[in-house]
Protein backbone atom coordinates (compact mmCIF):
# COMPACT_ATOMS: atom_id res chain seq x y z
CA MET A 1 -69.26 -61.42 43.94
CA ASP A 2 -66.24 -62.29 42.26
CA SER A 3 -63.34 -62.79 45.11
CA LEU A 4 -59.35 -62.99 44.37
CA PRO A 5 -57.85 -66.59 44.17
CA PRO A 6 -55.65 -67.56 47.10
CA LEU A 7 -52.58 -66.13 47.21
CA PRO A 8 -49.66 -68.25 47.06
CA GLY A 9 -47.93 -67.30 50.32
CA GLN A 10 -47.91 -63.48 51.60
CA LEU A 11 -47.17 -60.80 49.48
CA PRO A 12 -43.98 -58.65 49.77
CA TRP A 13 -44.19 -55.43 51.48
CA PRO A 14 -43.85 -52.87 48.49
CA VAL A 15 -41.28 -50.69 48.01
CA PRO A 16 -41.06 -46.71 46.88
CA ASP A 17 -41.35 -46.35 43.30
CA PRO A 18 -37.79 -44.26 42.71
CA ARG A 19 -39.60 -41.72 40.58
CA ALA A 20 -41.70 -40.90 43.86
CA ARG A 21 -38.56 -39.38 45.49
CA TYR A 22 -38.84 -36.26 43.01
CA PHE A 23 -41.78 -35.28 44.56
CA VAL A 24 -42.01 -36.39 48.38
CA ALA A 25 -39.39 -37.22 50.78
CA ASP A 26 -42.04 -40.72 52.02
CA TYR A 27 -44.83 -42.23 52.25
CA ALA A 28 -46.32 -39.66 54.99
CA GLN A 29 -46.00 -37.00 52.74
CA MET A 30 -48.41 -38.71 50.29
CA HIS A 31 -51.01 -38.17 53.03
CA ASP A 32 -50.37 -34.70 53.15
CA LEU A 33 -50.78 -34.43 49.40
CA VAL A 34 -53.92 -35.69 49.00
CA ALA A 35 -55.57 -34.13 52.48
CA ASP A 36 -57.86 -31.97 50.50
CA LEU A 37 -59.53 -34.75 48.26
CA VAL A 38 -62.47 -35.37 50.60
CA PRO A 39 -65.24 -37.03 48.58
CA PRO A 40 -68.52 -35.22 48.68
CA ALA A 41 -70.26 -35.87 51.90
CA HIS A 42 -73.73 -36.26 50.47
CA ALA A 43 -73.32 -37.87 47.16
CA PRO A 44 -74.57 -41.36 47.16
CA ALA A 45 -72.30 -44.57 48.61
CA TYR A 46 -71.55 -46.14 45.16
CA ILE A 47 -70.18 -42.73 43.68
CA THR A 48 -67.99 -41.86 46.87
CA SER A 49 -66.52 -45.30 46.93
CA VAL A 50 -64.87 -44.44 43.15
CA PHE A 51 -63.76 -41.27 44.44
CA GLU A 52 -62.02 -42.36 47.70
CA THR A 53 -60.67 -45.21 45.16
CA ALA A 54 -59.22 -42.38 43.17
CA ARG A 55 -57.57 -40.60 46.06
CA GLU A 56 -55.84 -43.73 47.40
CA LEU A 57 -54.72 -44.41 43.60
CA VAL A 58 -52.40 -41.04 44.46
CA ARG A 59 -51.98 -41.75 47.67
CA HIS A 60 -50.54 -45.09 46.57
CA SER A 61 -48.73 -43.70 43.38
CA TYR A 62 -45.84 -43.36 46.22
CA TYR A 63 -45.08 -47.50 45.38
CA ARG A 64 -46.50 -47.26 41.52
CA TYR A 65 -46.19 -43.66 40.23
CA GLU A 66 -48.32 -44.55 37.02
CA PHE A 67 -51.10 -44.58 39.73
CA THR A 68 -51.57 -40.95 39.45
CA THR A 69 -52.54 -41.16 35.93
CA ILE A 70 -55.01 -43.63 36.87
CA ALA A 71 -56.35 -41.55 39.64
CA VAL A 72 -57.25 -38.99 37.29
CA SER A 73 -59.93 -41.53 34.73
CA VAL A 74 -60.99 -43.15 37.90
CA SER A 75 -62.23 -39.57 39.33
CA LEU A 76 -63.66 -39.02 36.09
CA PHE A 77 -65.49 -42.70 35.96
CA ALA A 78 -67.08 -40.91 39.44
CA LEU A 79 -68.27 -37.81 37.95
CA GLU A 80 -69.80 -39.21 34.78
CA ARG A 81 -71.77 -41.23 36.73
CA ALA A 82 -72.53 -38.06 39.01
CA PHE A 83 -73.62 -35.42 36.19
CA SER A 84 -75.46 -38.13 34.73
CA GLU A 85 -77.75 -39.06 38.02
CA HIS A 86 -77.89 -35.08 38.49
CA LEU A 87 -78.86 -33.80 35.15
CA GLY A 88 -80.77 -37.02 34.81
CA VAL A 89 -79.69 -37.61 31.60
CA LYS A 90 -76.77 -39.79 29.39
CA LYS A 91 -74.66 -38.38 27.43
CA PRO A 92 -70.89 -37.87 26.69
CA PHE A 93 -69.34 -36.55 29.50
CA GLN A 94 -68.02 -33.12 27.53
CA LYS A 95 -71.68 -32.44 26.80
CA MET A 96 -72.74 -33.16 30.70
CA VAL A 97 -69.71 -30.54 31.75
CA GLU A 98 -70.83 -28.41 29.11
CA GLN A 99 -74.15 -28.47 30.54
CA ALA A 100 -73.60 -27.99 33.87
CA ALA A 101 -71.48 -25.21 33.10
CA ASN A 102 -74.41 -23.45 31.02
CA GLU A 103 -77.07 -24.31 33.60
CA GLY A 104 -74.45 -22.75 36.24
CA ILE A 105 -74.17 -25.93 38.37
CA ILE A 106 -70.13 -25.95 37.81
CA THR A 107 -68.06 -22.61 37.08
CA ALA A 108 -66.40 -22.27 33.81
CA GLU A 109 -62.94 -22.51 35.57
CA LEU A 110 -64.09 -26.00 36.77
CA ALA A 111 -65.65 -26.83 33.55
CA GLY A 112 -61.86 -26.20 31.79
CA ARG A 113 -60.19 -28.07 34.74
CA LEU A 114 -62.05 -30.89 33.85
CA ALA A 115 -61.63 -30.71 30.01
CA ALA A 116 -58.03 -31.21 30.47
CA GLY A 117 -58.66 -34.56 32.44
CA ARG A 118 -60.98 -35.55 29.91
CA ASN A 119 -58.47 -34.64 26.92
CA LEU A 120 -56.03 -36.80 29.18
CA ARG A 121 -58.29 -39.62 29.26
CA ASN A 122 -58.58 -39.48 25.95
CA LYS A 123 -55.08 -39.42 24.77
CA LEU A 124 -54.07 -42.35 27.42
CA ALA A 125 -56.90 -44.21 25.47
CA HIS A 126 -55.70 -43.78 22.20
CA GLY A 127 -51.76 -44.14 23.00
CA ASP A 128 -51.16 -40.61 22.43
CA LEU A 129 -49.79 -40.69 26.14
CA THR A 130 -48.27 -42.41 28.56
CA ASP A 131 -49.64 -43.26 32.02
CA THR A 132 -46.20 -41.65 33.50
CA ALA A 133 -47.74 -37.91 32.08
CA LEU A 134 -48.48 -36.59 35.12
CA THR A 135 -46.97 -35.97 38.53
CA PRO A 136 -48.45 -36.28 41.65
CA ALA A 137 -49.14 -32.82 42.31
CA LEU A 138 -50.85 -32.30 38.22
CA ALA A 139 -52.96 -35.54 39.46
CA VAL A 140 -54.26 -34.07 42.81
CA ALA A 141 -55.36 -31.07 41.00
CA MET A 142 -57.03 -32.94 38.14
CA VAL A 143 -58.85 -35.05 40.67
CA LYS A 144 -59.89 -32.02 43.32
CA ALA A 145 -61.91 -30.50 39.72
CA ALA A 146 -63.45 -33.91 40.13
CA PHE A 147 -64.30 -33.95 43.89
CA ASP A 148 -65.18 -30.05 43.72
CA SER A 149 -67.65 -30.31 40.45
CA ALA A 150 -69.33 -33.57 42.73
CA GLU A 151 -69.78 -31.71 45.81
CA LEU A 152 -71.80 -29.18 43.58
CA LEU A 153 -73.72 -31.61 42.44
CA PHE A 154 -74.31 -33.17 45.80
CA PRO A 155 -74.79 -30.06 48.49
CA ALA A 156 -75.73 -30.39 51.88
CA PRO A 157 -79.14 -30.50 52.69
CA THR A 158 -80.87 -27.34 53.52
CA ASP A 159 -82.95 -27.34 56.83
CA GLY A 160 -85.66 -25.48 54.75
CA PRO A 161 -87.21 -22.19 55.75
CA LEU A 162 -87.71 -21.40 59.55
């Protein structure tokens, strides 16, 4: 495992990004903002970990505004892995979203929200948008679509017939 090189000393405490004040009064309100971003309880740990990272990127966008946009991309990476595992295929993300929607695994509304996130990710990758494109609330909505989709892919086990 790669480890971080030694730090030259203690890092300074982060300061709030001045743009955060447009959305929240203080860091504590970031906890409320991400409260509904709950990783799917029954997904594999390696997928859940990436979803947790996406949630924390939104939370810490209080200190670096651009983390909101990165959070969307990270949540889509996790969902792409979840789709691939659940569907048993390796296809482009868009094709897996379409397949999941066609099979009734996710709703058309979720598929549309995921398409918006994928479009944002692609525009970032091609330089058509900057990473300041999203407000924290919009990022939460897009990340939540990924969380909600994964929850449908990994539902709670049933007890079976009685």
